[in-house]
Amino acid sequence: QVQLAESGGGLVQAGGSLRLSCELSGDGRSYAMAWFRQAPGKEREFVATIKWWAGGRIYYGNFVKGRFIVSRGNARNTLYLQMNSLEPEDTAVYYCAADERPHEYWSRRFYDFWGQGTQVTVTS
């Protein structure tokens, strides 16, 4: 089965940066990958994806406001999230998700595979 593993989370001061990584281990087929996050008491929220099935366009959640950069590794099973200018509001568990073709890329319901998440904590 497809497995996802996130890494790179940690504790950072406001204004700092973190680089998250997601590695997919699967059956050799191509999967779309995306980042979501979930803060305590809140719904899981879309962060970023590369929509490879629609010309490779990149999409970010509205809160990103130019602070994050999503990229794909040379191997298609690796997805990165460079997070800059972090704020306490960014504190959450960040999850990597994958699916063969999630047409509604912003919706967690369209992803079948999820990692365990990596904690990002931003202090003021």
C-alpha atoms as a PDB file:
ATOM      1  CA  GLN A   1       0.000   0.000   0.000  1.00  0.00           C
ATOM      2  CA  VAL A   2       0.976   3.631  -0.377  1.00  0.00           C
ATOM      3  CA  GLN A   3       2.747   5.120   2.618  1.00  0.00           C
ATOM      4  CA  LEU A   4       3.649   8.735   3.327  1.00  0.00           C
ATOM      5  CA  ALA A   5       6.210  10.065   5.776  1.00  0.00           C
ATOM      6  CA  GLU A   6       6.611  13.717   6.728  1.00  0.00           C
ATOM      7  CA  SER A   7       9.684  15.250   8.311  1.00  0.00           C
ATOM      8  CA  GLY A   8      11.186  18.640   9.057  1.00  0.00           C
ATOM      9  CA  GLY A   9       8.809  19.986  11.661  1.00  0.00           C
ATOM     10  CA  GLY A  10       9.990  21.535  14.869  1.00  0.00           C
ATOM     11  CA  LEU A  11      10.026  24.577  17.097  1.00  0.00           C
ATOM     12  CA  VAL A  12      10.830  27.930  15.542  1.00  0.00           C
ATOM     13  CA  GLN A  13      10.511  31.565  16.524  1.00  0.00           C
ATOM     14  CA  ALA A  14       8.198  33.907  14.683  1.00  0.00           C
ATOM     15  CA  GLY A  15       9.815  35.092  11.487  1.00  0.00           C
ATOM     16  CA  GLY A  16      11.853  31.936  11.131  1.00  0.00           C
ATOM     17  CA  SER A  17      11.788  29.215   8.513  1.00  0.00           C
ATOM     18  CA  LEU A  18      11.270  25.492   8.256  1.00  0.00           C
ATOM     19  CA  ARG A  19      11.512  23.078   5.361  1.00  0.00           C
ATOM     20  CA  LEU A  20       9.146  20.144   5.391  1.00  0.00           C
ATOM     21  CA  SER A  21       9.630  17.015   3.362  1.00  0.00           C
ATOM     22  CA  CYS A  22       7.222  14.268   2.377  1.00  0.00           C
ATOM     23  CA  GLU A  23       8.309  10.962   0.932  1.00  0.00           C
ATOM     24  CA  LEU A  24       5.897   8.559  -0.686  1.00  0.00           C
ATOM     25  CA  SER A  25       6.519   4.842  -0.847  1.00  0.00           C
ATOM     26  CA  GLY A  26       4.080   3.132  -3.137  1.00  0.00           C
ATOM     27  CA  ASP A  27       3.396   0.745  -5.937  1.00  0.00           C
ATOM     28  CA  GLY A  28       5.259   2.646  -8.643  1.00  0.00           C
ATOM     29  CA  ARG A  29       2.227   4.495  -9.972  1.00  0.00           C
ATOM     30  CA  SER A  30       2.068   8.269 -10.134  1.00  0.00           C
ATOM     31  CA  TYR A  31       0.289  10.099  -7.323  1.00  0.00           C
ATOM     32  CA  ALA A  32      -0.639  13.704  -6.770  1.00  0.00           C
ATOM     33  CA  MET A  33       0.654  15.031  -3.463  1.00  0.00           C
ATOM     34  CA  ALA A  34      -0.389  17.953  -1.300  1.00  0.00           C
ATOM     35  CA  TRP A  35       0.186  19.566   2.077  1.00  0.00           C
ATOM     36  CA  PHE A  36      -2.534  20.094   4.636  1.00  0.00           C
ATOM     37  CA  ARG A  37      -2.386  21.279   8.208  1.00  0.00           C
ATOM     38  CA  GLN A  38      -4.574  21.019  11.265  1.00  0.00           C
ATOM     39  CA  ALA A  39      -4.449  23.118  14.392  1.00  0.00           C
ATOM     40  CA  PRO A  40      -6.155  21.990  17.605  1.00  0.00           C
ATOM     41  CA  GLY A  41      -9.901  22.475  17.403  1.00  0.00           C
ATOM     42  CA  LYS A  42      -9.828  23.406  13.727  1.00  0.00           C
ATOM     43  CA  GLU A  43     -10.586  21.626  10.482  1.00  0.00           C
ATOM     44  CA  ARG A  44      -7.809  20.213   8.392  1.00  0.00           C
ATOM     45  CA  GLU A  45      -6.772  23.001   6.047  1.00  0.00           C
ATOM     46  CA  PHE A  46      -5.284  22.951   2.565  1.00  0.00           C
ATOM     47  CA  VAL A  47      -1.779  24.400   2.361  1.00  0.00           C
ATOM     48  CA  ALA A  48      -0.238  23.734  -1.043  1.00  0.00           C
ATOM     49  CA  THR A  49      -0.060  21.401  -4.009  1.00  0.00           C
ATOM     50  CA  ILE A  50       1.381  21.085  -7.492  1.00  0.00           C
ATOM     51  CA  LYS A  51      -1.468  20.215  -9.827  1.00  0.00           C
ATOM     52  CA  TRP A  52       0.520  18.073 -12.203  1.00  0.00           C
ATOM     53  CA  TRP A  53      -2.584  16.849 -14.000  1.00  0.00           C
ATOM     54  CA  ALA A  54      -3.452  20.434 -15.012  1.00  0.00           C
ATOM     55  CA  GLY A  55      -0.206  21.739 -16.417  1.00  0.00           C
ATOM     56  CA  GLY A  56       1.804  21.687 -13.205  1.00  0.00           C
ATOM     57  CA  ARG A  57       0.137  24.761 -11.752  1.00  0.00           C
ATOM     58  CA  ILE A  58       0.818  25.516  -8.110  1.00  0.00           C
ATOM     59  CA  TYR A  59      -1.906  26.349  -5.615  1.00  0.00           C
ATOM     60  CA  TYR A  60      -1.677  27.652  -2.075  1.00  0.00           C
ATOM     61  CA  GLY A  61      -4.131  28.192   0.692  1.00  0.00           C
ATOM     62  CA  ASN A  62      -5.314  31.757   1.082  1.00  0.00           C
ATOM     63  CA  PHE A  63      -3.397  32.214   4.310  1.00  0.00           C
ATOM     64  CA  VAL A  64      -0.011  31.549   2.705  1.00  0.00           C
ATOM     65  CA  LYS A  65       0.291  35.037   1.185  1.00  0.00           C
ATOM     66  CA  GLY A  66       3.579  34.380  -0.577  1.00  0.00           C
ATOM     67  CA  ARG A  67       5.391  33.001   2.454  1.00  0.00           C
ATOM     68  CA  PHE A  68       5.564  29.338   1.439  1.00  0.00           C
ATOM     69  CA  ILE A  69       7.037  27.561  -1.563  1.00  0.00           C
ATOM     70  CA  VAL A  70       5.982  24.069  -2.574  1.00  0.00           C
ATOM     71  CA  SER A  71       8.203  22.033  -4.851  1.00  0.00           C
ATOM     72  CA  ARG A  72       8.627  18.507  -6.091  1.00  0.00           C
ATOM     73  CA  GLY A  73      11.829  16.543  -5.889  1.00  0.00           C
ATOM     74  CA  ASN A  74      13.556  14.966  -8.826  1.00  0.00           C
ATOM     75  CA  ALA A  75      11.824  11.793  -7.801  1.00  0.00           C
ATOM     76  CA  ARG A  76       8.084  12.272  -8.170  1.00  0.00           C
ATOM     77  CA  ASN A  77       7.513  10.687  -4.778  1.00  0.00           C
ATOM     78  CA  THR A  78       9.006  13.615  -2.852  1.00  0.00           C
ATOM     79  CA  LEU A  79       7.257  16.881  -2.033  1.00  0.00           C
ATOM     80  CA  TYR A  80       8.770  19.806  -0.146  1.00  0.00           C
ATOM     81  CA  LEU A  81       7.305  22.793   1.618  1.00  0.00           C
ATOM     82  CA  GLN A  82       9.616  25.702   2.338  1.00  0.00           C
ATOM     83  CA  MET A  83       7.960  27.872   4.967  1.00  0.00           C
ATOM     84  CA  ASN A  84       9.286  31.362   5.569  1.00  0.00           C
ATOM     85  CA  SER A  85       8.159  34.243   7.761  1.00  0.00           C
ATOM     86  CA  LEU A  86       6.389  31.847  10.066  1.00  0.00           C
ATOM     87  CA  GLU A  87       3.872  33.194  12.535  1.00  0.00           C
ATOM     88  CA  PRO A  88       2.306  31.661  15.646  1.00  0.00           C
ATOM     89  CA  GLU A  89      -0.875  31.156  13.624  1.00  0.00           C
ATOM     90  CA  ASP A  90       1.044  28.628  11.523  1.00  0.00           C
ATOM     91  CA  THR A  91       1.329  26.303  14.505  1.00  0.00           C
ATOM     92  CA  ALA A  92      -0.268  23.010  13.504  1.00  0.00           C
ATOM     93  CA  VAL A  93       0.359  19.432  12.565  1.00  0.00           C
ATOM     94  CA  TYR A  94       1.314  19.398   8.910  1.00  0.00           C
ATOM     95  CA  TYR A  95       0.185  16.405   6.886  1.00  0.00           C
ATOM     96  CA  CYS A  96       1.179  15.096   3.510  1.00  0.00           C
ATOM     97  CA  ALA A  97      -1.597  13.624   1.384  1.00  0.00           C
ATOM     98  CA  ALA A  98      -1.686  11.721  -1.883  1.00  0.00           C
ATOM     99  CA  ASP A  99      -4.173  10.426  -4.403  1.00  0.00           C
ATOM    100  CA  GLU A 100      -4.131   9.353  -8.013  1.00  0.00           C
ATOM    101  CA  ARG A 101      -6.197  12.270  -9.269  1.00  0.00           C
ATOM    102  CA  PRO A 102      -7.775  14.571  -6.668  1.00  0.00           C
ATOM    103  CA  HIS A 103      -9.847  16.867  -8.872  1.00  0.00           C
ATOM    104  CA  GLU A 104     -10.800  19.011  -5.881  1.00  0.00           C
ATOM    105  CA  TYR A 105      -7.254  19.461  -4.687  1.00  0.00           C
ATOM    106  CA  TRP A 106      -8.263  21.733  -1.803  1.00  0.00           C
ATOM    107  CA  SER A 107     -10.508  19.115  -0.199  1.00  0.00           C
ATOM    108  CA  ARG A 108      -9.152  16.526   2.196  1.00  0.00           C
ATOM    109  CA  ARG A 109     -11.995  14.211   1.183  1.00  0.00           C
ATOM    110  CA  PHE A 110     -10.368  13.654  -2.206  1.00  0.00           C
ATOM    111  CA  TYR A 111      -7.146  12.191  -0.813  1.00  0.00           C
ATOM    112  CA  ASP A 112      -6.994   8.529   0.101  1.00  0.00           C
ATOM    113  CA  PHE A 113      -3.521   8.400   1.612  1.00  0.00           C
ATOM    114  CA  TRP A 114      -2.156  10.391   4.529  1.00  0.00           C
ATOM    115  CA  GLY A 115       1.020  10.549   6.548  1.00  0.00           C
ATOM    116  CA  GLN A 116       1.175  10.705  10.311  1.00  0.00           C
ATOM    117  CA  GLY A 117       1.991  14.413  10.305  1.00  0.00           C
ATOM    118  CA  THR A 118       4.841  16.531  11.586  1.00  0.00           C
ATOM    119  CA  GLN A 119       4.402  19.124  14.316  1.00  0.00           C
ATOM    120  CA  VAL A 120       5.238  22.748  13.570  1.00  0.00           C
ATOM    121  CA  THR A 121       5.274  25.103  16.540  1.00  0.00           C
ATOM    122  CA  VAL A 122       5.935  28.809  16.094  1.00  0.00           C
ATOM    123  CA  THR A 123       6.557  30.942  19.162  1.00  0.00           C
ATOM    124  CA  SER A 124       5.910  34.653  19.382  1.00  0.00           C
END
